[in-house]
Amino acid sequence: ERLSYTYGDRPVEVRRGWYVTTDF
């Protein structure tokens, strides 16, 4: 789960990712 920020520490994206990590 990622919270991304732009200038001024303003949050502009919530990203929830599910990753397959077999061989990765």
mmCIF file of all heavy atoms, coordinates in Angstrom:
data_MODEL
# 
_entry.id   MODEL 
# 
loop_
_atom_site.group_PDB 
_atom_site.id 
_atom_site.type_symbol 
_atom_site.label_atom_id 
_atom_site.label_alt_id 
_atom_site.label_comp_id 
_atom_site.label_asym_id 
_atom_site.label_entity_id 
_atom_site.label_seq_id 
_atom_site.pdbx_PDB_ins_code 
_atom_site.Cartn_x 
_atom_site.Cartn_y 
_atom_site.Cartn_z 
_atom_site.occupancy 
_atom_site.B_iso_or_equiv 
_atom_site.pdbx_formal_charge 
_atom_site.auth_seq_id 
_atom_site.auth_comp_id 
_atom_site.auth_asym_id 
_atom_site.auth_atom_id 
_atom_site.pdbx_PDB_model_num 
ATOM 1   N N   . GLU A 1 1  ? 0.859  -1.187  0.000   1.00 0.00 ? 1  GLU A N   1 
ATOM 2   C CA  . GLU A 1 1  ? 0.000  0.000   0.000   1.00 0.00 ? 1  GLU A CA  1 
ATOM 3   C C   . GLU A 1 1  ? 0.890  1.229   0.000   1.00 0.00 ? 1  GLU A C   1 
ATOM 4   O O   . GLU A 1 1  ? 1.734  1.401   0.885   1.00 0.00 ? 1  GLU A O   1 
ATOM 5   C CB  . GLU A 1 1  ? -0.938 0.025   1.207   1.00 0.00 ? 1  GLU A CB  1 
ATOM 6   C CG  . GLU A 1 1  ? -1.848 1.245   1.202   1.00 0.00 ? 1  GLU A CG  1 
ATOM 7   C CD  . GLU A 1 1  ? -3.083 1.087   2.065   1.00 0.00 ? 1  GLU A CD  1 
ATOM 8   O OE1 . GLU A 1 1  ? -3.635 -0.025  2.134   1.00 0.00 ? 1  GLU A OE1 1 
ATOM 9   O OE2 . GLU A 1 1  ? -3.507 2.084   2.672   1.00 0.00 ? 1  GLU A OE2 1 
ATOM 10  N N   . ARG A 1 2  ? 0.703  2.066   -1.013  1.00 0.00 ? 2  ARG A N   1 
ATOM 11  C CA  . ARG A 1 2  ? 1.554  3.238   -1.208  1.00 0.00 ? 2  ARG A CA  1 
ATOM 12  C C   . ARG A 1 2  ? 0.731  4.514   -1.108  1.00 0.00 ? 2  ARG A C   1 
ATOM 13  O O   . ARG A 1 2  ? -0.380 4.596   -1.648  1.00 0.00 ? 2  ARG A O   1 
ATOM 14  C CB  . ARG A 1 2  ? 2.211  3.176   -2.588  1.00 0.00 ? 2  ARG A CB  1 
ATOM 15  C CG  . ARG A 1 2  ? 3.006  4.417   -2.971  1.00 0.00 ? 2  ARG A CG  1 
ATOM 16  C CD  . ARG A 1 2  ? 3.481  4.353   -4.406  1.00 0.00 ? 2  ARG A CD  1 
ATOM 17  N NE  . ARG A 1 2  ? 4.328  3.200   -4.654  1.00 0.00 ? 2  ARG A NE  1 
ATOM 18  C CZ  . ARG A 1 2  ? 4.752  2.829   -5.858  1.00 0.00 ? 2  ARG A CZ  1 
ATOM 19  N NH1 . ARG A 1 2  ? 4.377  3.524   -6.933  1.00 0.00 ? 2  ARG A NH1 1 
ATOM 20  N NH2 . ARG A 1 2  ? 5.518  1.781   -6.001  1.00 0.00 ? 2  ARG A NH2 1 
ATOM 21  N N   . LEU A 1 3  ? 1.289  5.503   -0.434  1.00 0.00 ? 3  LEU A N   1 
ATOM 22  C CA  . LEU A 1 3  ? 0.724  6.848   -0.423  1.00 0.00 ? 3  LEU A CA  1 
ATOM 23  C C   . LEU A 1 3  ? 1.770  7.763   -1.046  1.00 0.00 ? 3  LEU A C   1 
ATOM 24  O O   . LEU A 1 3  ? 2.878  7.903   -0.519  1.00 0.00 ? 3  LEU A O   1 
ATOM 25  C CB  . LEU A 1 3  ? 0.395  7.289   1.001   1.00 0.00 ? 3  LEU A CB  1 
ATOM 26  C CG  . LEU A 1 3  ? -0.304 8.647   1.164   1.00 0.00 ? 3  LEU A CG  1 
ATOM 27  C CD1 . LEU A 1 3  ? -1.611 8.696   0.377   1.00 0.00 ? 3  LEU A CD1 1 
ATOM 28  C CD2 . LEU A 1 3  ? -0.552 8.955   2.639   1.00 0.00 ? 3  LEU A CD2 1 
ATOM 29  N N   . SER A 1 4  ? 1.437  8.339   -2.209  1.00 0.00 ? 4  SER A N   1 
ATOM 30  C CA  . SER A 1 4  ? 2.389  9.158   -2.955  1.00 0.00 ? 4  SER A CA  1 
ATOM 31  C C   . SER A 1 4  ? 2.083  10.634  -2.758  1.00 0.00 ? 4  SER A C   1 
ATOM 32  O O   . SER A 1 4  ? 0.917  11.038  -2.645  1.00 0.00 ? 4  SER A O   1 
ATOM 33  C CB  . SER A 1 4  ? 2.333  8.821   -4.447  1.00 0.00 ? 4  SER A CB  1 
ATOM 34  O OG  . SER A 1 4  ? 2.636  7.455   -4.660  1.00 0.00 ? 4  SER A OG  1 
ATOM 35  N N   . TYR A 1 5  ? 3.155  11.431  -2.765  1.00 0.00 ? 5  TYR A N   1 
ATOM 36  C CA  . TYR A 1 5  ? 3.043  12.860  -2.472  1.00 0.00 ? 5  TYR A CA  1 
ATOM 37  C C   . TYR A 1 5  ? 3.640  13.672  -3.620  1.00 0.00 ? 5  TYR A C   1 
ATOM 38  O O   . TYR A 1 5  ? 4.595  13.247  -4.282  1.00 0.00 ? 5  TYR A O   1 
ATOM 39  C CB  . TYR A 1 5  ? 3.805  13.211  -1.197  1.00 0.00 ? 5  TYR A CB  1 
ATOM 40  C CG  . TYR A 1 5  ? 3.318  12.516  0.042   1.00 0.00 ? 5  TYR A CG  1 
ATOM 41  C CD1 . TYR A 1 5  ? 3.720  11.232  0.349   1.00 0.00 ? 5  TYR A CD1 1 
ATOM 42  C CD2 . TYR A 1 5  ? 2.445  13.173  0.927   1.00 0.00 ? 5  TYR A CD2 1 
ATOM 43  C CE1 . TYR A 1 5  ? 3.275  10.598  1.500   1.00 0.00 ? 5  TYR A CE1 1 
ATOM 44  C CE2 . TYR A 1 5  ? 2.000  12.544  2.079   1.00 0.00 ? 5  TYR A CE2 1 
ATOM 45  C CZ  . TYR A 1 5  ? 2.417  11.257  2.361   1.00 0.00 ? 5  TYR A CZ  1 
ATOM 46  O OH  . TYR A 1 5  ? 1.974  10.630  3.495   1.00 0.00 ? 5  TYR A OH  1 
ATOM 47  N N   . THR A 1 6  ? 3.083  14.865  -3.816  1.00 0.00 ? 6  THR A N   1 
ATOM 48  C CA  . THR A 1 6  ? 3.670  15.831  -4.727  1.00 0.00 ? 6  THR A CA  1 
ATOM 49  C C   . THR A 1 6  ? 4.301  16.942  -3.901  1.00 0.00 ? 6  THR A C   1 
ATOM 50  O O   . THR A 1 6  ? 4.504  16.798  -2.689  1.00 0.00 ? 6  THR A O   1 
ATOM 51  C CB  . THR A 1 6  ? 2.613  16.369  -5.713  1.00 0.00 ? 6  THR A CB  1 
ATOM 52  O OG1 . THR A 1 6  ? 3.276  17.168  -6.711  1.00 0.00 ? 6  THR A OG1 1 
ATOM 53  C CG2 . THR A 1 6  ? 1.550  17.206  -5.018  1.00 0.00 ? 6  THR A CG2 1 
ATOM 54  N N   . TYR A 1 7  ? 4.649  18.058  -4.537  1.00 0.00 ? 7  TYR A N   1 
ATOM 55  C CA  . TYR A 1 7  ? 5.279  19.165  -3.827  1.00 0.00 ? 7  TYR A CA  1 
ATOM 56  C C   . TYR A 1 7  ? 4.419  19.613  -2.649  1.00 0.00 ? 7  TYR A C   1 
ATOM 57  O O   . TYR A 1 7  ? 3.190  19.518  -2.675  1.00 0.00 ? 7  TYR A O   1 
ATOM 58  C CB  . TYR A 1 7  ? 5.486  20.344  -4.777  1.00 0.00 ? 7  TYR A CB  1 
ATOM 59  C CG  . TYR A 1 7  ? 6.467  20.062  -5.892  1.00 0.00 ? 7  TYR A CG  1 
ATOM 60  C CD1 . TYR A 1 7  ? 6.019  19.848  -7.192  1.00 0.00 ? 7  TYR A CD1 1 
ATOM 61  C CD2 . TYR A 1 7  ? 7.827  20.014  -5.646  1.00 0.00 ? 7  TYR A CD2 1 
ATOM 62  C CE1 . TYR A 1 7  ? 6.920  19.594  -8.230  1.00 0.00 ? 7  TYR A CE1 1 
ATOM 63  C CE2 . TYR A 1 7  ? 8.733  19.755  -6.670  1.00 0.00 ? 7  TYR A CE2 1 
ATOM 64  C CZ  . TYR A 1 7  ? 8.271  19.544  -7.953  1.00 0.00 ? 7  TYR A CZ  1 
ATOM 65  O OH  . TYR A 1 7  ? 9.155  19.284  -8.960  1.00 0.00 ? 7  TYR A OH  1 
ATOM 66  N N   . GLY A 1 8  ? 5.101  20.120  -1.615  1.00 0.00 ? 8  GLY A N   1 
ATOM 67  C CA  . GLY A 1 8  ? 4.383  20.581  -0.434  1.00 0.00 ? 8  GLY A CA  1 
ATOM 68  C C   . GLY A 1 8  ? 3.873  19.450  0.427   1.00 0.00 ? 8  GLY A C   1 
ATOM 69  O O   . GLY A 1 8  ? 3.039  19.668  1.313   1.00 0.00 ? 8  GLY A O   1 
ATOM 70  N N   . ASP A 1 9  ? 4.380  18.235  0.186   1.00 0.00 ? 9  ASP A N   1 
ATOM 71  C CA  . ASP A 1 9  ? 3.952  17.046  0.938   1.00 0.00 ? 9  ASP A CA  1 
ATOM 72  C C   . ASP A 1 9  ? 2.442  16.833  0.866   1.00 0.00 ? 9  ASP A C   1 
ATOM 73  O O   . ASP A 1 9  ? 1.812  16.400  1.833   1.00 0.00 ? 9  ASP A O   1 
ATOM 74  C CB  . ASP A 1 9  ? 4.402  17.124  2.403   1.00 0.00 ? 9  ASP A CB  1 
ATOM 75  C CG  . ASP A 1 9  ? 5.476  16.094  2.717   1.00 0.00 ? 9  ASP A CG  1 
ATOM 76  O OD1 . ASP A 1 9  ? 5.984  15.460  1.773   1.00 0.00 ? 9  ASP A OD1 1 
ATOM 77  O OD2 . ASP A 1 9  ? 5.794  15.908  3.894   1.00 0.00 ? 9  ASP A OD2 1 
ATOM 78  N N   . ARG A 1 10 ? 1.870  17.117  -0.298  1.00 0.00 ? 10 ARG A N   1 
ATOM 79  C CA  . ARG A 1 10 ? 0.438  16.896  -0.492  1.00 0.00 ? 10 ARG A CA  1 
ATOM 80  C C   . ARG A 1 10 ? 0.204  15.481  -1.017  1.00 0.00 ? 10 ARG A C   1 
ATOM 81  O O   . ARG A 1 10 ? 0.747  15.106  -2.052  1.00 0.00 ? 10 ARG A O   1 
ATOM 82  C CB  . ARG A 1 10 ? -0.143 17.913  -1.485  1.00 0.00 ? 10 ARG A CB  1 
ATOM 83  C CG  . ARG A 1 10 ? -0.222 19.330  -0.943  1.00 0.00 ? 10 ARG A CG  1 
ATOM 84  C CD  . ARG A 1 10 ? -0.901 20.244  -1.941  1.00 0.00 ? 10 ARG A CD  1 
ATOM 85  N NE  . ARG A 1 10 ? -0.117 20.382  -3.156  1.00 0.00 ? 10 ARG A NE  1 
ATOM 86  C CZ  . ARG A 1 10 ? -0.625 20.320  -4.385  1.00 0.00 ? 10 ARG A CZ  1 
ATOM 87  N NH1 . ARG A 1 10 ? -1.917 20.109  -4.571  1.00 0.00 ? 10 ARG A NH1 1 
ATOM 88  N NH2 . ARG A 1 10 ? 0.154  20.491  -5.435  1.00 0.00 ? 10 ARG A NH2 1 
ATOM 89  N N   . PRO A 1 11 ? -0.615 14.685  -0.335  1.00 0.00 ? 11 PRO A N   1 
ATOM 90  C CA  . PRO A 1 11 ? -0.902 13.330  -0.824  1.00 0.00 ? 11 PRO A CA  1 
ATOM 91  C C   . PRO A 1 11 ? -1.795 13.391  -2.059  1.00 0.00 ? 11 PRO A C   1 
ATOM 92  O O   . PRO A 1 11 ? -2.815 14.083  -2.059  1.00 0.00 ? 11 PRO A O   1 
ATOM 93  C CB  . PRO A 1 11 ? -1.613 12.670  0.358   1.00 0.00 ? 11 PRO A CB  1 
ATOM 94  C CG  . PRO A 1 11 ? -2.236 13.806  1.115   1.00 0.00 ? 11 PRO A CG  1 
ATOM 95  C CD  . PRO A 1 11 ? -1.304 14.980  0.937   1.00 0.00 ? 11 PRO A CD  1 
ATOM 96  N N   . VAL A 1 12 ? -1.416 12.667  -3.119  1.00 0.00 ? 12 VAL A N   1 
ATOM 97  C CA  . VAL A 1 12 ? -2.172 12.729  -4.368  1.00 0.00 ? 12 VAL A CA  1 
ATOM 98  C C   . VAL A 1 12 ? -2.460 11.352  -4.966  1.00 0.00 ? 12 VAL A C   1 
ATOM 99  O O   . VAL A 1 12 ? -3.062 11.260  -6.035  1.00 0.00 ? 12 VAL A O   1 
ATOM 100 C CB  . VAL A 1 12 ? -1.444 13.605  -5.423  1.00 0.00 ? 12 VAL A CB  1 
ATOM 101 C CG1 . VAL A 1 12 ? -1.546 15.079  -5.066  1.00 0.00 ? 12 VAL A CG1 1 
ATOM 102 C CG2 . VAL A 1 12 ? 0.011  13.194  -5.573  1.00 0.00 ? 12 VAL A CG2 1 
ATOM 103 N N   . GLU A 1 13 ? -2.036 10.289  -4.293  1.00 0.00 ? 13 GLU A N   1 
ATOM 104 C CA  . GLU A 1 13 ? -2.324 8.954   -4.814  1.00 0.00 ? 13 GLU A CA  1 
ATOM 105 C C   . GLU A 1 13 ? -2.314 7.935   -3.690  1.00 0.00 ? 13 GLU A C   1 
ATOM 106 O O   . GLU A 1 13 ? -1.390 7.904   -2.870  1.00 0.00 ? 13 GLU A O   1 
ATOM 107 C CB  . GLU A 1 13 ? -1.286 8.533   -5.859  1.00 0.00 ? 13 GLU A CB  1 
ATOM 108 C CG  . GLU A 1 13 ? -1.535 7.132   -6.417  1.00 0.00 ? 13 GLU A CG  1 
ATOM 109 C CD  . GLU A 1 13 ? -0.285 6.501   -7.027  1.00 0.00 ? 13 GLU A CD  1 
ATOM 110 O OE1 . GLU A 1 13 ? 0.814  6.648   -6.448  1.00 0.00 ? 13 GLU A OE1 1 
ATOM 111 O OE2 . GLU A 1 13 ? -0.416 5.848   -8.083  1.00 0.00 ? 13 GLU A OE2 1 
ATOM 112 N N   . VAL A 1 14 ? -3.351 7.120   -3.648  1.00 0.00 ? 14 VAL A N   1 
ATOM 113 C CA  . VAL A 1 14 ? -3.353 5.905   -2.829  1.00 0.00 ? 14 VAL A CA  1 
ATOM 114 C C   . VAL A 1 14 ? -3.288 4.741   -3.799  1.00 0.00 ? 14 VAL A C   1 
ATOM 115 O O   . VAL A 1 14 ? -4.098 4.649   -4.726  1.00 0.00 ? 14 VAL A O   1 
ATOM 116 C CB  . VAL A 1 14 ? -4.621 5.799   -1.959  1.00 0.00 ? 14 VAL A CB  1 
ATOM 117 C CG1 . VAL A 1 14 ? -4.687 4.435   -1.275  1.00 0.00 ? 14 VAL A CG1 1 
ATOM 118 C CG2 . VAL A 1 14 ? -4.650 6.913   -0.918  1.00 0.00 ? 14 VAL A CG2 1 
ATOM 119 N N   . ARG A 1 15 ? -2.304 3.878   -3.626  1.00 0.00 ? 15 ARG A N   1 
ATOM 120 C CA  . ARG A 1 15 ? -2.141 2.730   -4.523  1.00 0.00 ? 15 ARG A CA  1 
ATOM 121 C C   . ARG A 1 15 ? -2.050 1.456   -3.692  1.00 0.00 ? 15 ARG A C   1 
ATOM 122 O O   . ARG A 1 15 ? -1.222 1.351   -2.789  1.00 0.00 ? 15 ARG A O   1 
ATOM 123 C CB  . ARG A 1 15 ? -0.894 2.884   -5.381  1.00 0.00 ? 15 ARG A CB  1 
ATOM 124 C CG  . ARG A 1 15 ? -0.689 1.720   -6.353  1.00 0.00 ? 15 ARG A CG  1 
ATOM 125 C CD  . ARG A 1 15 ? 0.557  1.905   -7.198  1.00 0.00 ? 15 ARG A CD  1 
ATOM 126 N NE  . ARG A 1 15 ? 0.484  3.114   -8.028  1.00 0.00 ? 15 ARG A NE  1 
ATOM 127 C CZ  . ARG A 1 15 ? 0.959  3.194   -9.259  1.00 0.00 ? 15 ARG A CZ  1 
ATOM 128 N NH1 . ARG A 1 15 ? 1.533  2.142   -9.813  1.00 0.00 ? 15 ARG A NH1 1 
ATOM 129 N NH2 . ARG A 1 15 ? 0.873  4.323   -9.939  1.00 0.00 ? 15 ARG A NH2 1 
ATOM 130 N N   . ARG A 1 16 ? -2.903 0.506   -4.017  1.00 0.00 ? 16 ARG A N   1 
ATOM 131 C CA  . ARG A 1 16 ? -2.857 -0.800  -3.364  1.00 0.00 ? 16 ARG A CA  1 
ATOM 132 C C   . ARG A 1 16 ? -2.494 -1.838  -4.418  1.00 0.00 ? 16 ARG A C   1 
ATOM 133 O O   . ARG A 1 16 ? -3.229 -2.016  -5.393  1.00 0.00 ? 16 ARG A O   1 
ATOM 134 C CB  . ARG A 1 16 ? -4.203 -1.121  -2.724  1.00 0.00 ? 16 ARG A CB  1 
ATOM 135 C CG  . ARG A 1 16 ? -4.541 -0.162  -1.580  1.00 0.00 ? 16 ARG A CG  1 
ATOM 136 C CD  . ARG A 1 16 ? -6.004 -0.138  -1.248  1.00 0.00 ? 16 ARG A CD  1 
ATOM 137 N NE  . ARG A 1 16 ? -6.285 0.828   -0.186  1.00 0.00 ? 16 ARG A NE  1 
ATOM 138 C CZ  . ARG A 1 16 ? -7.498 1.259   0.127   1.00 0.00 ? 16 ARG A CZ  1 
ATOM 139 N NH1 . ARG A 1 16 ? -8.555 0.802   -0.527  1.00 0.00 ? 16 ARG A NH1 1 
ATOM 140 N NH2 . ARG A 1 16 ? -7.663 2.141   1.100   1.00 0.00 ? 16 ARG A NH2 1 
ATOM 141 N N   . GLY A 1 17 ? -1.363 -2.482  -4.230  1.00 0.00 ? 17 GLY A N   1 
ATOM 142 C CA  . GLY A 1 17 ? -0.878 -3.442  -5.212  1.00 0.00 ? 17 GLY A CA  1 
ATOM 143 C C   . GLY A 1 17 ? -0.739 -4.830  -4.616  1.00 0.00 ? 17 GLY A C   1 
ATOM 144 O O   . GLY A 1 17 ? -0.341 -4.992  -3.460  1.00 0.00 ? 17 GLY A O   1 
ATOM 145 N N   . TRP A 1 18 ? -1.116 -5.839  -5.408  1.00 0.00 ? 18 TRP A N   1 
ATOM 146 C CA  . TRP A 1 18 ? -0.947 -7.242  -5.020  1.00 0.00 ? 18 TRP A CA  1 
ATOM 147 C C   . TRP A 1 18 ? 0.090  -7.839  -5.965  1.00 0.00 ? 18 TRP A C   1 
ATOM 148 O O   . TRP A 1 18 ? -0.076 -7.808  -7.195  1.00 0.00 ? 18 TRP A O   1 
ATOM 149 C CB  . TRP A 1 18 ? -2.267 -7.989  -5.121  1.00 0.00 ? 18 TRP A CB  1 
ATOM 150 C CG  . TRP A 1 18 ? -3.235 -7.642  -4.038  1.00 0.00 ? 18 TRP A CG  1 
ATOM 151 C CD1 . TRP A 1 18 ? -3.490 -8.333  -2.886  1.00 0.00 ? 18 TRP A CD1 1 
ATOM 152 C CD2 . TRP A 1 18 ? -4.126 -6.500  -3.996  1.00 0.00 ? 18 TRP A CD2 1 
ATOM 153 N NE1 . TRP A 1 18 ? -4.461 -7.707  -2.134  1.00 0.00 ? 18 TRP A NE1 1 
ATOM 154 C CE2 . TRP A 1 18 ? -4.868 -6.576  -2.790  1.00 0.00 ? 18 TRP A CE2 1 
ATOM 155 C CE3 . TRP A 1 18 ? -4.347 -5.426  -4.860  1.00 0.00 ? 18 TRP A CE3 1 
ATOM 156 C CZ2 . TRP A 1 18 ? -5.823 -5.629  -2.441  1.00 0.00 ? 18 TRP A CZ2 1 
ATOM 157 C CZ3 . TRP A 1 18 ? -5.284 -4.477  -4.507  1.00 0.00 ? 18 TRP A CZ3 1 
ATOM 158 C CH2 . TRP A 1 18 ? -6.017 -4.580  -3.312  1.00 0.00 ? 18 TRP A CH2 1 
ATOM 159 N N   . TYR A 1 19 ? 1.175  -8.401  -5.412  1.00 0.00 ? 19 TYR A N   1 
ATOM 160 C CA  . TYR A 1 19 ? 2.331  -8.837  -6.197  1.00 0.00 ? 19 TYR A CA  1 
ATOM 161 C C   . TYR A 1 19 ? 2.532  -10.348 -6.074  1.00 0.00 ? 19 TYR A C   1 
ATOM 162 O O   . TYR A 1 19 ? 2.517  -10.903 -4.973  1.00 0.00 ? 19 TYR A O   1 
ATOM 163 C CB  . TYR A 1 19 ? 3.611  -8.160  -5.688  1.00 0.00 ? 19 TYR A CB  1 
ATOM 164 C CG  . TYR A 1 19 ? 3.693  -6.684  -5.945  1.00 0.00 ? 19 TYR A CG  1 
ATOM 165 C CD1 . TYR A 1 19 ? 2.842  -5.783  -5.296  1.00 0.00 ? 19 TYR A CD1 1 
ATOM 166 C CD2 . TYR A 1 19 ? 4.642  -6.146  -6.813  1.00 0.00 ? 19 TYR A CD2 1 
ATOM 167 C CE1 . TYR A 1 19 ? 2.931  -4.424  -5.508  1.00 0.00 ? 19 TYR A CE1 1 
ATOM 168 C CE2 . TYR A 1 19 ? 4.739  -4.782  -7.031  1.00 0.00 ? 19 TYR A CE2 1 
ATOM 169 C CZ  . TYR A 1 19 ? 3.876  -3.926  -6.382  1.00 0.00 ? 19 TYR A CZ  1 
ATOM 170 O OH  . TYR A 1 19 ? 3.968  -2.570  -6.601  1.00 0.00 ? 19 TYR A OH  1 
ATOM 171 N N   . VAL A 1 20 ? 2.750  -10.985 -7.229  1.00 0.00 ? 20 VAL A N   1 
ATOM 172 C CA  . VAL A 1 20 ? 3.171  -12.383 -7.255  1.00 0.00 ? 20 VAL A CA  1 
ATOM 173 C C   . VAL A 1 20 ? 4.697  -12.390 -7.175  1.00 0.00 ? 20 VAL A C   1 
ATOM 174 O O   . VAL A 1 20 ? 5.365  -11.801 -8.034  1.00 0.00 ? 20 VAL A O   1 
ATOM 175 C CB  . VAL A 1 20 ? 2.717  -13.089 -8.549  1.00 0.00 ? 20 VAL A CB  1 
ATOM 176 C CG1 . VAL A 1 20 ? 3.197  -14.543 -8.558  1.00 0.00 ? 20 VAL A CG1 1 
ATOM 177 C CG2 . VAL A 1 20 ? 1.201  -13.022 -8.686  1.00 0.00 ? 20 VAL A CG2 1 
ATOM 178 N N   . THR A 1 21 ? 5.255  -13.040 -6.156  1.00 0.00 ? 21 THR A N   1 
ATOM 179 C CA  . THR A 1 21 ? 6.705  -12.979 -5.959  1.00 0.00 ? 21 THR A CA  1 
ATOM 180 C C   . THR A 1 21 ? 7.389  -14.328 -6.188  1.00 0.00 ? 21 THR A C   1 
ATOM 181 O O   . THR A 1 21 ? 8.530  -14.515 -5.772  1.00 0.00 ? 21 THR A O   1 
ATOM 182 C CB  . THR A 1 21 ? 7.034  -12.452 -4.551  1.00 0.00 ? 21 THR A CB  1 
ATOM 183 O OG1 . THR A 1 21 ? 6.382  -13.266 -3.572  1.00 0.00 ? 21 THR A OG1 1 
ATOM 184 C CG2 . THR A 1 21 ? 6.586  -11.014 -4.398  1.00 0.00 ? 21 THR A CG2 1 
ATOM 185 N N   . THR A 1 22 ? 6.719  -15.273 -6.849  1.00 0.00 ? 22 THR A N   1 
ATOM 186 C CA  . THR A 1 22 ? 7.391  -16.494 -7.261  1.00 0.00 ? 22 THR A CA  1 
ATOM 187 C C   . THR A 1 22 ? 8.410  -16.128 -8.340  1.00 0.00 ? 22 THR A C   1 
ATOM 188 O O   . THR A 1 22 ? 8.055  -15.596 -9.394  1.00 0.00 ? 22 THR A O   1 
ATOM 189 C CB  . THR A 1 22 ? 6.383  -17.505 -7.839  1.00 0.00 ? 22 THR A CB  1 
ATOM 190 O OG1 . THR A 1 22 ? 5.318  -17.682 -6.909  1.00 0.00 ? 22 THR A OG1 1 
ATOM 191 C CG2 . THR A 1 22 ? 7.064  -18.842 -8.095  1.00 0.00 ? 22 THR A CG2 1 
ATOM 192 N N   . ASP A 1 23 ? 9.669  -16.386 -8.079  1.00 0.00 ? 23 ASP A N   1 
ATOM 193 C CA  . ASP A 1 23 ? 10.782 -16.042 -8.976  1.00 0.00 ? 23 ASP A CA  1 
ATOM 194 C C   . ASP A 1 23 ? 11.068 -14.546 -9.024  1.00 0.00 ? 23 ASP A C   1 
ATOM 195 O O   . ASP A 1 23 ? 11.903 -14.102 -9.793  1.00 0.00 ? 23 ASP A O   1 
ATOM 196 C CB  . ASP A 1 23 ? 10.534 -16.537 -10.414 1.00 0.00 ? 23 ASP A CB  1 
ATOM 197 C CG  . ASP A 1 23 ? 10.398 -18.045 -10.508 1.00 0.00 ? 23 ASP A CG  1 
ATOM 198 O OD1 . ASP A 1 23 ? 11.002 -18.732 -9.666  1.00 0.00 ? 23 ASP A OD1 1 
ATOM 199 O OD2 . ASP A 1 23 ? 9.691  -18.517 -11.407 1.00 0.00 ? 23 ASP A OD2 1 
ATOM 200 N N   . PHE A 1 24 ? 10.370 -13.766 -8.221  1.00 0.00 ? 24 PHE A N   1 
ATOM 201 C CA  . PHE A 1 24 ? 10.590 -12.321 -8.164  1.00 0.00 ? 24 PHE A CA  1 
ATOM 202 C C   . PHE A 1 24 ? 10.699 -11.882 -6.704  1.00 0.00 ? 24 PHE A C   1 
ATOM 203 O O   . PHE A 1 24 ? 10.311 -12.616 -5.800  1.00 0.00 ? 24 PHE A O   1 
ATOM 204 C CB  . PHE A 1 24 ? 9.434  -11.560 -8.839  1.00 0.00 ? 24 PHE A CB  1 
ATOM 205 C CG  . PHE A 1 24 ? 9.497  -11.565 -10.347 1.00 0.00 ? 24 PHE A CG  1 
ATOM 206 C CD1 . PHE A 1 24 ? 9.196  -12.710 -11.066 1.00 0.00 ? 24 PHE A CD1 1 
ATOM 207 C CD2 . PHE A 1 24 ? 9.863  -10.427 -11.049 1.00 0.00 ? 24 PHE A CD2 1 
ATOM 208 C CE1 . PHE A 1 24 ? 9.251  -12.731 -12.443 1.00 0.00 ? 24 PHE A CE1 1 
ATOM 209 C CE2 . PHE A 1 24 ? 9.922  -10.429 -12.436 1.00 0.00 ? 24 PHE A CE2 1 
ATOM 210 C CZ  . PHE A 1 24 ? 9.610  -11.578 -13.140 1.00 0.00 ? 24 PHE A CZ  1 
# 
